[in-house]
Amino acid sequence: MRKITLCTAFAAMLLLISCKEKNNTQTEPETENLQYVEVKLGGCNLKSAQKDNDRKTGEDTVIITTSEDLVQVFVALNYTCKSMSFETKTEIIDDVLYIHLIDTGGDYMRCMCYYTFDFSFKRQGDINQKYKILLHDNRGHDEIISIFSEGTIVEKSSNNQSNCDQDVIVDLDQYNHAPNRNLVIEDMKILNNCLKIKFSASGCDGNTWVVKLVDMGGIAKSLPPQRTLRLSLDNKEMCRAWITKEISFNIEDLQVEKYRKIWLNVGEKGILYEY
């Protein structure tokens, strides 16, 4: 009798461990310079946040931050209130980092809730990693998998910084959603892989402006190939002075293999980049 009891208890323990590990299934994706570390679930993934007075909603968000040795991908999702937390899975397929947010079912409620996921990856050296975040929606009879966000994480290590003011950002999500205040591009020129853009906009002195050059990530097939970018300006200055600035961007990450030149479309202007 004791033997049966011990076996039953041991089997129950294995089942408990198996269920616990299933919540966040990782294949420990690893590239030459990016390795999965952990994911922290928050928001309505925690039962304490499912209470009526603690439910919060916000904008669907993806925030990518980098440091010398770490890349963090923070995802926030509005989704139906449910009794079970999401499961997650990360994997590398054809050099693309896939991050899966998986609805595991449970009891659904007539409310919306804010689910958060904070993924950490260890980095070494420069990063140029394509990613896709996939949502597995199981609220219907069949699972629906949709792309929640996609883009490219581009970051150079401090040991390999250029003399340009900033680096170009290659990210479709930022291309679509980064601030887009009015500006006029006056001139563009390229020197030593730095694209210098002279532009003007209304403001006080331009000291509070946040400017980014964002590439959408796609390459148009032509001779030479073409890339599409936009100059993003976050401008909260209320003055009406006309301010002109010049900022340079490192565009080495826009080079296309097997080609020695590429045409860059920046807003309504274009320039030939030879390398």
Protein backbone atom coordinates (compact mmCIF):
# COMPACT_ATOMS: atom_id res chain seq x y z
CA MET A 1 0.00 0.00 0.00
CA ARG A 2 2.83 2.41 0.84
CA LYS A 3 4.51 1.60 -2.46
CA ILE A 4 1.39 2.55 -4.44
CA THR A 5 1.00 5.77 -2.43
CA LEU A 6 4.60 6.79 -3.08
CA CYS A 7 4.28 6.10 -6.81
CA THR A 8 1.05 8.07 -6.96
CA ALA A 9 2.62 11.00 -5.13
CA PHE A 10 5.69 10.88 -7.38
CA ALA A 11 3.51 10.84 -10.51
CA ALA A 12 1.49 13.79 -9.21
CA MET A 13 4.74 15.68 -8.55
CA LEU A 14 5.97 15.05 -12.11
CA LEU A 15 2.61 16.24 -13.50
CA LEU A 16 2.80 19.43 -11.41
CA ILE A 17 6.34 20.17 -12.61
CA SER A 18 5.35 19.47 -16.21
CA CYS A 19 2.38 21.85 -16.01
CA LYS A 20 4.48 24.55 -14.42
CA GLU A 21 7.18 24.35 -17.08
CA LYS A 22 4.61 24.40 -19.90
CA ASN A 23 3.61 28.01 -19.16
CA ASN A 24 6.71 29.43 -20.81
CA THR A 25 8.09 26.99 -23.36
CA GLN A 26 11.43 28.10 -24.79
CA THR A 27 13.73 26.38 -27.23
CA GLU A 28 16.50 28.69 -26.00
CA PRO A 29 16.90 30.40 -29.38
CA GLU A 30 20.47 31.43 -29.97
CA THR A 31 22.16 33.25 -32.81
CA GLU A 32 25.77 34.31 -33.08
CA ASN A 33 25.17 37.26 -30.75
CA LEU A 34 21.68 36.85 -29.21
CA GLN A 35 20.60 34.27 -26.61
CA TYR A 36 17.31 33.90 -24.73
CA VAL A 37 17.48 34.47 -20.95
CA GLU A 38 13.94 34.71 -19.48
CA VAL A 39 10.44 36.15 -19.74
CA LYS A 40 8.52 37.90 -16.95
CA LEU A 41 4.74 37.86 -17.18
CA GLY A 42 2.80 40.80 -15.79
CA GLY A 43 -0.47 42.68 -15.92
CA CYS A 44 -3.49 40.41 -16.24
CA ASN A 45 -1.25 37.36 -16.56
CA LEU A 46 -1.20 37.66 -12.77
CA LYS A 47 -4.44 36.61 -11.06
CA SER A 48 -4.24 39.56 -8.69
CA ALA A 49 -4.68 41.94 -11.64
CA GLN A 50 -7.92 40.24 -12.74
CA LYS A 51 -9.90 41.88 -9.94
CA ASP A 52 -12.46 44.47 -11.08
CA ASN A 53 -10.70 47.39 -9.41
CA ASP A 54 -7.27 46.39 -10.75
CA ARG A 55 -8.11 45.86 -14.43
CA LYS A 56 -6.25 48.22 -16.70
CA THR A 57 -6.13 48.75 -20.44
CA GLY A 58 -3.73 50.70 -22.61
CA GLU A 59 -2.27 50.80 -26.09
CA ASP A 60 -0.93 47.63 -27.69
CA THR A 61 2.80 48.21 -27.36
CA VAL A 62 6.19 46.81 -28.26
CA ILE A 63 9.22 48.50 -26.68
CA ILE A 64 12.74 47.30 -27.46
CA THR A 65 15.61 48.47 -25.27
CA THR A 66 19.27 47.56 -25.53
CA SER A 67 22.30 47.82 -23.28
CA GLU A 68 25.87 46.61 -23.64
CA ASP A 69 24.98 43.02 -22.75
CA LEU A 70 21.17 42.78 -22.88
CA VAL A 71 18.24 43.18 -25.29
CA GLN A 72 14.78 43.49 -23.74
CA VAL A 73 11.53 43.15 -25.68
CA PHE A 74 8.52 44.44 -23.74
CA VAL A 75 5.08 43.57 -25.14
CA ALA A 76 1.75 44.88 -23.84
CA LEU A 77 -1.51 43.46 -25.20
CA ASN A 78 -5.21 44.29 -24.74
CA TYR A 79 -7.11 41.02 -24.63
CA THR A 80 -10.27 39.47 -23.21
CA CYS A 81 -10.20 38.81 -19.47
CA LYS A 82 -9.64 35.11 -18.86
CA SER A 83 -8.93 32.72 -16.03
CA MET A 84 -5.60 31.43 -17.36
CA SER A 85 -2.43 33.34 -18.16
CA PHE A 86 -0.76 33.28 -21.57
CA GLU A 87 1.98 30.85 -22.45
CA THR A 88 5.04 32.06 -24.36
CA LYS A 89 7.49 30.46 -26.75
CA THR A 90 10.60 31.80 -28.48
CA GLU A 91 12.47 30.22 -31.37
CA ILE A 92 14.78 31.01 -34.29
CA ILE A 93 13.60 29.95 -37.76
CA ASP A 94 15.56 30.97 -40.88
CA ASP A 95 17.46 33.58 -38.86
CA VAL A 96 14.21 35.22 -37.70
CA LEU A 97 13.43 35.47 -33.98
CA TYR A 98 9.84 34.35 -33.38
CA ILE A 99 8.14 35.33 -30.11
CA HIS A 100 4.82 33.52 -29.55
CA LEU A 101 2.07 34.80 -27.25
CA ILE A 102 -0.26 31.82 -26.80
CA ASP A 103 -3.81 32.03 -25.43
CA THR A 104 -4.23 28.81 -23.44
CA GLY A 105 -7.99 29.12 -23.11
CA GLY A 106 -9.86 28.99 -19.82
CA ASP A 107 -12.96 30.88 -18.76
CA TYR A 108 -13.46 34.13 -20.72
CA MET A 109 -15.20 37.13 -19.15
CA ARG A 110 -16.98 40.15 -20.62
CA CYS A 111 -14.16 42.61 -20.08
CA MET A 112 -10.79 43.62 -21.48
CA CYS A 113 -7.50 43.39 -19.63
CA TYR A 114 -3.87 44.40 -20.17
CA TYR A 115 -1.38 41.53 -20.44
CA THR A 116 2.37 42.26 -20.37
CA PHE A 117 5.42 40.21 -21.32
CA ASP A 118 9.04 41.23 -20.68
CA PHE A 119 11.52 39.12 -22.66
CA SER A 120 15.27 39.30 -21.97
CA PHE A 121 18.05 38.21 -24.34
CA LYS A 122 21.78 38.24 -23.75
CA ARG A 123 23.70 40.03 -26.50
CA GLN A 124 27.30 40.00 -27.71
CA GLY A 125 28.56 42.63 -30.14
CA ASP A 126 26.48 44.19 -32.90
CA ILE A 127 22.82 43.24 -33.32
CA ASN A 128 20.94 43.04 -36.62
CA GLN A 129 18.13 40.63 -35.83
CA LYS A 130 14.78 40.32 -37.62
CA TYR A 131 11.87 39.44 -35.33
CA LYS A 132 8.17 38.58 -35.47
CA ILE A 133 5.77 38.58 -32.52
CA LEU A 134 2.87 36.19 -33.14
CA LEU A 135 -0.45 36.14 -31.27
CA HIS A 136 -2.18 32.75 -30.96
CA ASP A 137 -5.88 33.60 -30.51
CA ASN A 138 -7.95 30.67 -29.23
CA ARG A 139 -11.20 32.49 -28.42
CA GLY A 140 -13.00 30.83 -31.35
CA HIS A 141 -13.36 27.24 -32.49
CA ASP A 142 -10.05 27.33 -34.37
CA GLU A 143 -6.75 28.91 -33.41
CA ILE A 144 -5.98 32.13 -35.30
CA ILE A 145 -2.32 33.14 -35.54
CA SER A 146 -1.65 36.76 -36.46
CA ILE A 147 1.43 38.99 -36.57
CA PHE A 148 1.27 41.34 -33.60
CA SER A 149 4.48 43.15 -34.55
CA GLU A 150 7.57 42.65 -36.72
CA GLY A 151 10.76 44.50 -37.48
CA THR A 152 14.52 44.40 -37.04
CA ILE A 153 16.56 45.03 -33.90
CA VAL A 154 19.63 46.98 -34.95
CA GLU A 155 22.23 48.08 -32.43
CA LYS A 156 25.97 48.54 -32.63
CA SER A 157 28.26 47.83 -29.71
CA SER A 158 30.11 50.75 -28.15
CA ASN A 159 33.36 49.30 -29.52
CA ASN A 160 32.17 49.84 -33.08
CA GLN A 161 30.53 53.26 -33.07
CA SER A 162 30.76 55.49 -36.13
CA ASN A 163 31.37 59.23 -36.26
CA CYS A 164 27.75 59.87 -37.27
CA ASP A 165 25.31 61.52 -34.88
CA GLN A 166 22.89 58.57 -34.87
CA ASP A 167 22.31 55.13 -36.39
CA VAL A 168 19.50 54.44 -38.83
CA ILE A 169 16.66 52.34 -37.38
CA VAL A 170 15.35 49.42 -39.45
CA ASP A 171 11.92 48.63 -38.02
CA LEU A 172 8.54 48.42 -39.77
CA ASP A 173 6.58 49.12 -36.58
CA GLN A 174 8.51 52.33 -35.89
CA TYR A 175 8.27 53.30 -39.56
CA ASN A 176 4.48 53.12 -39.27
CA HIS A 177 4.02 54.61 -35.81
CA ALA A 178 6.97 56.90 -34.93
CA PRO A 179 6.05 60.62 -34.55
CA ASN A 180 5.46 62.37 -37.86
CA ARG A 181 5.41 66.14 -37.27
CA ASN A 182 5.74 68.46 -40.25
CA LEU A 183 9.25 69.12 -41.57
CA VAL A 184 10.95 70.04 -44.83
CA ILE A 185 14.10 68.22 -46.00
CA GLU A 186 16.36 70.87 -47.52
CA ASP A 187 19.37 68.79 -48.56
CA MET A 188 20.96 65.34 -48.27
CA LYS A 189 24.52 64.12 -48.82
CA ILE A 190 26.53 61.01 -47.97
CA LEU A 191 30.06 61.00 -46.59
CA ASN A 192 31.84 57.92 -45.20
CA ASN A 193 28.60 55.93 -44.68
CA CYS A 194 27.00 58.92 -42.93
CA LEU A 195 23.82 60.33 -44.48
CA LYS A 196 23.67 64.02 -43.57
CA ILE A 197 20.17 65.46 -43.70
CA LYS A 198 19.50 69.19 -43.48
CA PHE A 199 15.88 69.84 -42.56
CA SER A 200 13.66 72.62 -41.24
CA ALA A 201 10.54 72.85 -39.06
CA SER A 202 8.75 75.41 -36.91
CA GLY A 203 9.68 75.66 -33.25
CA CYS A 204 11.48 77.68 -30.59
CA ASP A 205 15.10 76.57 -30.92
CA GLY A 206 14.83 72.87 -31.81
CA ASN A 207 16.72 71.79 -28.69
CA THR A 208 13.86 69.54 -27.53
CA TRP A 209 13.31 67.85 -30.88
CA VAL A 210 13.63 64.08 -31.08
CA VAL A 211 14.68 63.03 -34.59
CA LYS A 212 15.03 59.50 -35.98
CA LEU A 213 15.70 58.10 -39.44
CA VAL A 214 13.60 54.95 -39.84
CA ASP A 215 13.76 52.36 -42.64
CA MET A 216 10.68 50.20 -43.23
CA GLY A 217 12.80 47.05 -43.63
CA GLY A 218 11.81 46.09 -47.17
CA ILE A 219 13.92 46.22 -50.34
CA ALA A 220 12.33 47.05 -53.71
CA LYS A 221 13.66 44.91 -56.55
CA SER A 222 15.12 47.25 -59.15
CA LEU A 223 18.52 48.27 -60.48
CA PRO A 224 19.84 49.53 -58.20
CA PRO A 225 17.67 48.16 -55.33
CA GLN A 226 15.64 50.74 -53.41
CA ARG A 227 14.84 51.27 -49.74
CA THR A 228 12.13 53.47 -48.25
CA LEU A 229 12.78 55.60 -45.18
CA ARG A 230 11.26 58.54 -43.38
CA LEU A 231 12.63 61.19 -41.08
CA SER A 232 10.61 61.08 -37.86
CA LEU A 233 10.29 64.28 -35.85
CA ASP A 234 8.76 64.52 -32.38
CA ASN A 235 8.26 68.28 -31.98
CA LYS A 236 6.32 69.70 -29.02
CA GLU A 237 7.66 73.26 -29.35
CA MET A 238 4.84 75.82 -29.78
CA CYS A 239 6.89 78.74 -31.20
CA ARG A 240 6.62 79.78 -34.86
CA ALA A 241 10.28 80.37 -35.60
CA TRP A 242 11.64 78.46 -38.62
CA ILE A 243 14.53 76.31 -37.39
CA THR A 244 17.05 74.49 -39.61
CA LYS A 245 19.21 71.63 -38.37
CA GLU A 246 21.59 69.06 -39.86
CA ILE A 247 21.90 65.54 -38.42
CA SER A 248 23.99 62.64 -39.72
CA PHE A 249 22.97 58.98 -39.63
CA ASN A 250 25.12 55.86 -39.97
CA ILE A 251 23.50 53.94 -42.87
CA GLU A 252 25.85 50.95 -43.13
CA ASP A 253 23.00 48.66 -42.07
CA LEU A 254 21.11 49.61 -45.26
CA GLN A 255 23.69 47.96 -47.52
CA VAL A 256 22.43 45.05 -49.62
CA GLU A 257 24.62 42.02 -50.25
CA LYS A 258 25.85 41.49 -53.84
CA TYR A 259 25.22 45.14 -54.73
CA ARG A 260 27.61 48.08 -54.60
CA LYS A 261 24.98 50.79 -54.54
CA ILE A 262 21.37 51.34 -53.49
CA TRP A 263 18.81 54.11 -53.96
CA LEU A 264 17.39 55.60 -50.74
CA ASN A 265 13.95 57.21 -50.78
CA VAL A 266 13.61 59.56 -47.80
CA GLY A 267 10.18 61.15 -47.87
CA GLU A 268 9.85 62.91 -51.22
CA LYS A 269 13.61 63.07 -51.79
CA GLY A 270 16.09 60.42 -52.89
CA ILE A 271 19.82 59.83 -52.93
CA LEU A 272 22.18 57.19 -54.34
CA TYR A 273 24.25 55.37 -51.69
CA GLU A 274 27.43 53.79 -53.10
CA TYR A 275 29.63 51.57 -50.90
